Amino acid sequence: MAMRNETREAKLEALEERIVRSVEELVSGDDWRQAMEFAARFRSRSFNNTLLIWAQHLEAYEQGRVPTPTPTWVAGFQDWKKMGRWAEAGGGYEIRAPVRVRFATATPKDPASWRRLAKGQSPRPGEVVQRRVVNVVPAHVWDVSRTHGAELPELPSPKLLEGEAPAGLWEGLATQVESLGYEVLRMPDSDAIRGANGMTDYETRQVLVRTGMDPAAQVKTLAHELGHVRLHGPNQQDARQHRGIGEVEAESLALMIAAAHGMDTSDYTIPYVAGWAANVDGKDPVQVIRDTGEKVRRTATEVLSQLDTIQLGNGNPVSLRIDGPEHAGPEHPGPEHPVPEQTAGRTPLPERELRRVQAVPGRGL
C-alpha cells in the first residue's frame, strides 16, 4: 500500500510540474486566446486538465501517434465503453481526477453535522446527501482517435455567416443579465457610453451595448458585459481592485461563449499574459493564471448551461447521448457550484435614449 501511495504521489507531482510548464508557456495574448478556445471545446473539464490534455495531445501529434493537432472527443475508459468504443492500451493522457464521496446530514446549515457515508450506506430518513471532492488521483483519458468501435452520433454544428450572431444568443445573454437585476439597453449613440462598444453601470444597474456594430459584435459585447456583472460587481472588491485582470476575465468569458457557438474569435485581443498575471501583489503569476483560467471556465460553463442555443460539443462523447446540443455542467459539480436552471430566451430590449450617468466603462470588444 505504501509503495502504491508513493507511486500515486509521484504521478501527481509530475502532473503538477507539467501544468506549471504549460502555464509558463502562455506568454502572449494569442497564447491565452488559444488556451481559452481549447478550454471552451473541453469545458466539462477543469482548466488544469485542459492544459494537460492539450500538451499531451500536441506531443502525440508531433510524434505521429494521432492524426490531428487538436483532439475532438476525450473520455475515460468507462465512458468510451458506454459509447460502444474501446480505448487502445498505452494511448491515454494522464489527468488529475477528483475522488468524490457522499456526506449526509439532517441539518445542512450546520457544517459540523455532516457525516461521511460508507460505500453502499444509505442515509437516514430526512437526511440531505451531497457529494464532495475529498482527494485527487491520477487517471487516464483517451482521444477518439485512440479508440475503436461504434460510430459516434453527429452533433449539430453552428454555421454562421460573417457578422451573424447565433440564433437566440442575444436573448439568452440578456435574460441572464436581467436575472441579476440589471437592465439591458441598446444604444444608438456611442457618445453616451464614451465611445466604447459596451459599458456596465453598477450604480444604475444598467448594461449598455452600442448598436452601430454587426450582430456578432453586439452579442460578443453583451457577453463581455455579462462577465463584468457576474464577476466584478460592487460586492467583489478584490476583483475590482485588479482592473487589468478584470478586463481579461470579462474578455475571456466572452471568448469562451463565442467559441462554444462556433463564432470567429480571431478579433479578441488579450494583453500580454505576464503583464496582467504579475499585477497581483503577493501572488505567484503562475497561480494567478491558473486561478483566472478556472474562474473563467467555471463561469462560462454556468452561462452556457443556461442558454437554449446550438453549441459545439463540450469534449465529452457521453454528452452526445445525453444532451444533444451541449448544455454540460462543470467537471466538479457539487453544492458549492450548483448549475443554474435554464431560462427561456426573450426578445431584445428596444433601443432608447439614456440619461447621462456616471458610469464604470467596460472595454467591450
Protein backbone atom coordinates (compact mmCIF):
# COMPACT_ATOMS: atom_id res chain seq x y z
CA MET A 1 0.00 0.00 0.00
CA ALA A 2 2.82 2.42 0.92
CA MET A 3 4.54 1.77 -2.42
CA ARG A 4 1.27 2.41 -4.29
CA ASN A 5 0.72 5.68 -2.44
CA GLU A 6 4.26 6.79 -3.23
CA THR A 7 3.71 5.99 -6.91
CA ARG A 8 0.45 7.92 -6.94
CA GLU A 9 2.04 10.94 -5.26
CA ALA A 10 4.92 10.84 -7.73
CA LYS A 11 2.48 10.82 -10.65
CA LEU A 12 0.51 13.74 -9.17
CA GLU A 13 3.73 15.67 -8.66
CA ALA A 14 4.74 15.02 -12.28
CA LEU A 15 1.31 16.21 -13.48
CA GLU A 16 1.64 19.36 -11.37
CA GLU A 17 5.03 20.08 -12.92
CA ARG A 18 3.55 19.61 -16.39
CA ILE A 19 0.71 22.02 -15.62
CA VAL A 20 3.19 24.64 -14.42
CA ARG A 21 5.26 24.23 -17.60
CA SER A 22 2.13 24.63 -19.72
CA VAL A 23 1.15 27.78 -17.85
CA GLU A 24 4.64 29.23 -18.22
CA GLU A 25 4.35 28.71 -21.99
CA LEU A 26 1.29 31.01 -22.11
CA VAL A 27 3.28 34.12 -22.94
CA SER A 28 1.44 36.24 -25.49
CA GLY A 29 -2.18 37.31 -25.63
CA ASP A 30 -2.61 34.98 -28.60
CA ASP A 31 -1.34 32.07 -26.47
CA TRP A 32 -4.04 32.86 -23.93
CA ARG A 33 -6.71 33.17 -26.64
CA GLN A 34 -5.83 29.71 -27.95
CA ALA A 35 -5.91 28.28 -24.42
CA MET A 36 -9.39 29.75 -23.87
CA GLU A 37 -10.62 28.40 -27.21
CA PHE A 38 -9.35 24.96 -26.23
CA ALA A 39 -10.97 25.25 -22.79
CA ALA A 40 -14.27 26.14 -24.49
CA ARG A 41 -14.14 22.91 -26.50
CA PHE A 42 -13.36 20.85 -23.39
CA ARG A 43 -15.24 22.93 -20.84
CA SER A 44 -16.54 19.90 -18.92
CA ARG A 45 -13.00 19.53 -17.54
CA SER A 46 -11.04 21.78 -15.20
CA PHE A 47 -8.66 24.35 -16.65
CA ASN A 48 -5.70 22.39 -15.27
CA ASN A 49 -6.87 19.23 -17.01
CA THR A 50 -7.46 21.03 -20.32
CA LEU A 51 -3.82 22.15 -20.18
CA LEU A 52 -2.70 18.58 -19.54
CA ILE A 53 -4.79 17.20 -22.42
CA TRP A 54 -3.67 19.97 -24.76
CA ALA A 55 0.04 19.42 -24.06
CA GLN A 56 -0.07 15.61 -24.26
CA HIS A 57 -2.17 15.53 -27.43
CA LEU A 58 0.13 18.00 -29.17
CA GLU A 59 3.10 15.84 -28.17
CA ALA A 60 1.31 12.76 -29.57
CA TYR A 61 0.63 14.62 -32.82
CA GLU A 62 4.25 15.68 -33.18
CA GLN A 63 5.25 12.02 -32.70
CA GLY A 64 2.74 10.88 -35.35
CA ARG A 65 0.53 8.96 -32.91
CA VAL A 66 -2.66 10.97 -33.59
CA PRO A 67 -3.89 12.42 -36.91
CA THR A 68 -4.76 15.99 -35.86
CA PRO A 69 -3.06 18.60 -33.65
CA THR A 70 -6.26 19.18 -31.68
CA PRO A 71 -8.37 16.45 -30.03
CA THR A 72 -12.09 16.22 -30.72
CA TRP A 73 -13.69 13.94 -28.12
CA VAL A 74 -11.84 12.88 -24.95
CA ALA A 75 -13.11 10.49 -22.29
CA GLY A 76 -12.10 7.85 -19.77
CA PHE A 77 -12.16 4.11 -20.41
CA GLN A 78 -15.62 3.54 -18.90
CA ASP A 79 -17.20 6.47 -20.75
CA TRP A 80 -15.87 5.18 -24.06
CA LYS A 81 -17.24 1.77 -23.16
CA LYS A 82 -20.69 3.33 -22.65
CA MET A 83 -20.43 4.65 -26.21
CA GLY A 84 -19.57 1.20 -27.56
CA ARG A 85 -15.91 2.04 -28.15
CA TRP A 86 -12.69 0.59 -26.74
CA ALA A 87 -9.58 2.53 -25.77
CA GLU A 88 -6.17 1.47 -27.03
CA ALA A 89 -3.65 0.30 -24.45
CA GLY A 90 -0.97 2.91 -23.82
CA GLY A 91 -2.74 5.64 -25.77
CA GLY A 92 -4.24 7.60 -22.89
CA TYR A 93 -3.44 11.03 -21.49
CA GLU A 94 -2.89 11.45 -17.76
CA ILE A 95 -5.09 13.93 -15.89
CA ARG A 96 -5.99 14.63 -12.27
CA ALA A 97 -9.34 13.05 -11.36
CA PRO A 98 -11.40 14.01 -8.32
CA VAL A 99 -12.42 11.41 -5.75
CA ARG A 100 -15.97 12.13 -4.60
CA VAL A 101 -17.70 10.68 -1.56
CA ARG A 102 -21.17 11.16 -0.10
CA PHE A 103 -21.92 13.13 3.05
CA ALA A 104 -25.28 13.25 4.82
CA THR A 105 -26.98 15.38 7.46
CA ALA A 106 -30.41 16.28 8.75
CA THR A 107 -29.28 19.86 9.45
CA PRO A 108 -27.41 21.05 6.33
CA LYS A 109 -26.84 24.57 7.71
CA ASP A 110 -24.66 23.15 10.49
CA PRO A 111 -21.20 22.46 8.97
CA ALA A 112 -20.24 20.16 11.86
CA SER A 113 -23.25 17.89 11.34
CA TRP A 114 -22.17 16.34 8.03
CA ARG A 115 -21.08 12.71 8.25
CA ARG A 116 -19.35 10.65 5.62
CA LEU A 117 -21.33 7.71 4.23
CA ALA A 118 -19.57 4.42 3.58
CA LYS A 119 -19.83 2.81 0.15
CA GLY A 120 -23.34 1.42 -0.22
CA GLN A 121 -24.54 3.01 3.01
CA SER A 122 -27.99 4.62 2.88
CA PRO A 123 -28.77 7.95 4.54
CA ARG A 124 -31.19 8.12 7.44
CA PRO A 125 -34.77 9.25 6.78
CA GLY A 126 -34.93 13.01 6.32
CA GLU A 127 -31.22 13.46 5.66
CA VAL A 128 -29.78 15.52 2.81
CA VAL A 129 -26.97 13.92 0.79
CA GLN A 130 -24.18 15.78 -1.02
CA ARG A 131 -21.16 14.50 -2.93
CA ARG A 132 -17.87 16.24 -2.17
CA VAL A 133 -14.36 16.02 -3.56
CA VAL A 134 -12.04 14.64 -0.89
CA ASN A 135 -8.97 13.72 -2.92
CA VAL A 136 -7.35 13.83 -6.35
CA VAL A 137 -5.78 10.81 -8.08
CA PRO A 138 -4.06 10.23 -11.44
CA ALA A 139 -6.38 8.96 -14.18
CA HIS A 140 -6.32 8.42 -17.95
CA VAL A 141 -8.48 9.73 -20.79
CA TRP A 142 -8.31 8.87 -24.50
CA ASP A 143 -8.92 10.93 -27.62
CA VAL A 144 -11.41 9.36 -30.02
CA SER A 145 -8.58 8.70 -32.50
CA ARG A 146 -7.09 6.24 -29.98
CA THR A 147 -10.33 4.26 -29.68
CA HIS A 148 -12.28 1.97 -31.97
CA GLY A 149 -15.85 0.65 -32.10
CA ALA A 150 -19.30 2.07 -32.71
CA GLU A 151 -19.73 5.28 -34.72
CA LEU A 152 -20.45 8.42 -32.70
CA PRO A 153 -23.65 10.42 -33.25
CA GLU A 154 -23.31 13.68 -35.14
CA LEU A 155 -23.65 16.85 -33.08
CA PRO A 156 -25.38 19.84 -34.72
CA SER A 157 -22.70 22.35 -35.71
CA PRO A 158 -23.47 26.07 -35.88
CA LYS A 159 -22.86 27.54 -39.33
CA LEU A 160 -22.67 31.33 -39.26
CA LEU A 161 -22.22 33.94 -41.96
CA GLU A 162 -19.69 36.72 -41.37
CA GLY A 163 -21.09 39.18 -38.83
CA GLU A 164 -24.03 36.93 -37.98
CA ALA A 165 -24.92 36.14 -34.35
CA PRO A 166 -26.10 32.67 -33.29
CA ALA A 167 -29.87 32.36 -33.05
CA GLY A 168 -31.13 33.08 -29.55
CA LEU A 169 -27.76 34.07 -28.09
CA TRP A 170 -28.55 37.76 -27.57
CA GLU A 171 -31.87 36.89 -25.96
CA GLY A 172 -30.33 34.26 -23.70
CA LEU A 173 -27.50 36.51 -22.51
CA ALA A 174 -29.88 39.44 -21.97
CA THR A 175 -32.12 37.20 -19.85
CA GLN A 176 -29.17 36.28 -17.65
CA VAL A 177 -28.13 39.91 -17.23
CA GLU A 178 -31.69 40.84 -16.27
CA SER A 179 -31.97 37.92 -13.84
CA LEU A 180 -29.07 39.51 -11.93
CA GLY A 181 -31.04 42.74 -11.56
CA TYR A 182 -29.60 44.77 -14.45
CA GLU A 183 -31.37 46.42 -17.38
CA VAL A 184 -30.02 45.86 -20.89
CA LEU A 185 -30.08 48.94 -23.14
CA ARG A 186 -29.09 49.07 -26.82
CA MET A 187 -27.50 52.45 -27.52
CA PRO A 188 -27.52 54.09 -30.98
CA ASP A 189 -25.32 56.93 -29.67
CA SER A 190 -21.80 55.77 -28.79
CA ASP A 191 -21.07 59.14 -27.18
CA ALA A 192 -23.42 58.19 -24.36
CA ILE A 193 -21.03 55.36 -23.44
CA ARG A 194 -17.82 57.30 -24.08
CA GLY A 195 -17.22 55.74 -27.48
CA ALA A 196 -16.96 52.22 -26.07
CA ASN A 197 -18.69 49.18 -27.52
CA GLY A 198 -20.25 48.38 -24.18
CA MET A 199 -20.46 49.57 -20.59
CA THR A 200 -21.72 48.31 -17.24
CA ASP A 201 -23.04 50.89 -14.77
CA TYR A 202 -23.12 49.37 -11.30
CA GLU A 203 -24.90 52.37 -9.73
CA THR A 204 -27.87 52.49 -12.09
CA ARG A 205 -27.64 48.71 -12.70
CA GLN A 206 -27.62 49.08 -16.45
CA VAL A 207 -25.71 47.26 -19.20
CA LEU A 208 -25.29 49.32 -22.36
CA VAL A 209 -24.39 47.96 -25.79
CA ARG A 210 -23.71 50.09 -28.86
CA THR A 211 -25.88 49.21 -31.86
CA GLY A 212 -23.62 50.59 -34.62
CA MET A 213 -21.96 47.16 -34.99
CA ASP A 214 -22.89 43.92 -36.71
CA PRO A 215 -24.98 41.44 -34.66
CA ALA A 216 -21.95 39.24 -33.90
CA ALA A 217 -20.05 42.15 -32.37
CA GLN A 218 -23.08 43.20 -30.35
CA VAL A 219 -23.58 39.76 -28.84
CA LYS A 220 -19.86 39.42 -28.06
CA THR A 221 -20.01 42.78 -26.29
CA LEU A 222 -23.06 41.71 -24.29
CA ALA A 223 -21.20 38.54 -23.24
CA HIS A 224 -18.25 40.69 -22.13
CA GLU A 225 -20.50 42.91 -20.02
CA LEU A 226 -22.23 39.86 -18.53
CA GLY A 227 -18.76 38.88 -17.34
CA HIS A 228 -18.44 42.19 -15.52
CA VAL A 229 -21.89 41.79 -13.96
CA ARG A 230 -21.16 38.28 -12.73
CA LEU A 231 -17.55 38.70 -11.68
CA HIS A 232 -16.87 42.34 -10.86
CA GLY A 233 -19.88 43.82 -9.07
CA PRO A 234 -19.73 46.23 -6.12
CA ASN A 235 -19.61 43.32 -3.66
CA GLN A 236 -16.49 41.86 -5.29
CA GLN A 237 -13.97 44.44 -4.20
CA ASP A 238 -10.94 42.17 -4.65
CA ALA A 239 -11.78 41.65 -8.32
CA ARG A 240 -12.35 45.37 -8.89
CA GLN A 241 -9.00 46.27 -7.33
CA HIS A 242 -7.22 44.50 -10.20
CA ARG A 243 -8.90 46.08 -13.20
CA GLY A 244 -6.41 44.62 -15.67
CA ILE A 245 -7.32 41.09 -14.64
CA GLY A 246 -10.99 42.05 -14.56
CA GLU A 247 -10.86 43.00 -18.23
CA VAL A 248 -9.03 39.77 -19.06
CA GLU A 249 -11.71 37.77 -17.22
CA ALA A 250 -14.59 39.52 -18.99
CA GLU A 251 -12.96 39.25 -22.41
CA SER A 252 -12.02 35.61 -21.82
CA LEU A 253 -15.57 34.76 -20.78
CA ALA A 254 -16.92 36.37 -23.95
CA LEU A 255 -14.30 34.48 -25.98
CA MET A 256 -15.31 31.12 -24.49
CA ILE A 257 -19.02 31.80 -25.09
CA ALA A 258 -18.29 32.80 -28.69
CA ALA A 259 -16.02 29.79 -29.29
CA ALA A 260 -18.64 27.41 -27.89
CA HIS A 261 -21.04 28.74 -30.55
CA GLY A 262 -18.60 28.41 -33.44
CA MET A 263 -18.08 32.17 -33.77
CA ASP A 264 -14.88 33.72 -35.11
CA THR A 265 -12.65 34.57 -32.14
CA SER A 266 -9.67 36.00 -34.03
CA ASP A 267 -10.76 39.55 -33.21
CA TYR A 268 -10.35 39.04 -29.46
CA THR A 269 -7.32 40.85 -28.07
CA ILE A 270 -5.89 39.84 -24.69
CA PRO A 271 -2.99 41.75 -23.13
CA TYR A 272 0.46 40.20 -22.78
CA VAL A 273 -0.03 37.49 -20.15
CA ALA A 274 2.94 38.39 -17.96
CA GLY A 275 1.63 41.94 -17.71
CA TRP A 276 -1.70 41.18 -16.05
CA ALA A 277 -0.64 37.99 -14.24
CA ALA A 278 2.14 39.80 -12.36
CA ASN A 279 -0.25 42.57 -11.33
CA VAL A 280 -1.49 40.92 -8.13
CA ASP A 281 0.67 41.70 -5.12
CA GLY A 282 1.77 38.72 -3.06
CA LYS A 283 0.60 36.10 -5.59
CA ASP A 284 2.63 33.88 -7.87
CA PRO A 285 1.86 34.81 -11.52
CA VAL A 286 1.58 31.11 -12.45
CA GLN A 287 -1.11 30.64 -9.79
CA VAL A 288 -2.88 33.83 -10.93
CA ILE A 289 -3.08 32.42 -14.47
CA ARG A 290 -4.39 29.07 -13.24
CA ASP A 291 -6.96 30.70 -10.96
CA THR A 292 -8.08 33.06 -13.73
CA GLY A 293 -8.43 30.24 -16.25
CA GLU A 294 -10.51 28.10 -13.88
CA LYS A 295 -12.67 31.04 -12.78
CA VAL A 296 -13.46 31.90 -16.40
CA ARG A 297 -14.05 28.26 -17.37
CA ARG A 298 -16.46 27.65 -14.50
CA THR A 299 -18.37 30.85 -15.16
CA ALA A 300 -18.58 30.16 -18.90
CA THR A 301 -19.87 26.66 -18.23
CA GLU A 302 -22.60 28.05 -15.97
CA VAL A 303 -23.58 30.67 -18.54
CA LEU A 304 -23.63 28.17 -21.41
CA SER A 305 -25.69 25.68 -19.40
CA GLN A 306 -28.50 28.24 -19.19
CA LEU A 307 -28.58 29.03 -22.92
CA ASP A 308 -31.07 27.34 -25.23
CA THR A 309 -28.74 27.67 -28.23
CA ILE A 310 -26.94 25.32 -30.60
CA GLN A 311 -23.42 24.89 -29.25
CA LEU A 312 -20.33 22.92 -30.11
CA GLY A 313 -19.60 19.85 -28.00
CA ASN A 314 -18.00 20.02 -24.56
CA GLY A 315 -15.39 17.40 -25.45
CA ASN A 316 -17.06 14.50 -23.62
CA PRO A 317 -18.63 12.00 -26.04
CA VAL A 318 -21.13 10.77 -23.44
CA SER A 319 -22.86 14.15 -23.73
CA LEU A 320 -23.74 13.25 -27.33
CA ARG A 321 -26.02 10.57 -26.00
CA ILE A 322 -27.37 12.59 -23.07
CA ASP A 323 -27.70 16.20 -24.15
CA GLY A 324 -27.63 16.58 -27.91
CA PRO A 325 -26.67 20.27 -28.27
CA GLU A 326 -24.39 20.93 -25.36
CA HIS A 327 -25.61 22.21 -22.02
CA ALA A 328 -22.94 20.44 -19.98
CA GLY A 329 -22.22 21.08 -16.32
CA PRO A 330 -18.80 21.54 -14.69
CA GLU A 331 -16.31 18.74 -14.18
CA HIS A 332 -16.54 19.05 -10.39
CA PRO A 333 -20.23 19.60 -9.63
CA GLY A 334 -21.17 19.98 -6.02
CA PRO A 335 -23.17 22.06 -3.57
CA GLU A 336 -20.68 24.91 -3.74
CA HIS A 337 -21.00 25.16 -7.55
CA PRO A 338 -24.65 24.41 -8.46
CA VAL A 339 -25.64 24.51 -12.13
CA PRO A 340 -28.37 27.14 -12.54
CA GLU A 341 -31.68 26.19 -14.09
CA GLN A 342 -32.23 27.00 -17.75
CA THR A 343 -34.10 30.17 -18.54
CA ALA A 344 -36.08 30.89 -21.66
CA GLY A 345 -34.92 33.26 -24.37
CA ARG A 346 -36.64 36.61 -24.82
CA THR A 347 -36.88 39.46 -27.30
CA PRO A 348 -34.07 42.05 -27.07
CA LEU A 349 -34.99 45.25 -25.31
CA PRO A 350 -35.78 48.16 -27.63
CA GLU A 351 -33.31 50.93 -28.29
CA ARG A 352 -33.85 54.01 -26.19
CA GLU A 353 -32.06 57.19 -25.23
CA LEU A 354 -30.19 57.08 -21.95
CA ARG A 355 -29.87 59.86 -19.43
CA ARG A 356 -26.27 60.89 -18.82
CA VAL A 357 -24.97 58.93 -15.87
CA GLN A 358 -21.70 58.41 -14.04
CA ALA A 359 -20.62 55.03 -15.41
CA VAL A 360 -17.89 52.47 -14.97
CA PRO A 361 -16.84 51.65 -18.54
CA GLY A 362 -16.08 48.16 -19.74
CA ARG A 363 -13.64 47.81 -22.62
CA GLY A 364 -16.07 45.83 -24.72
CA LEU A 365 -14.55 44.38 -27.85
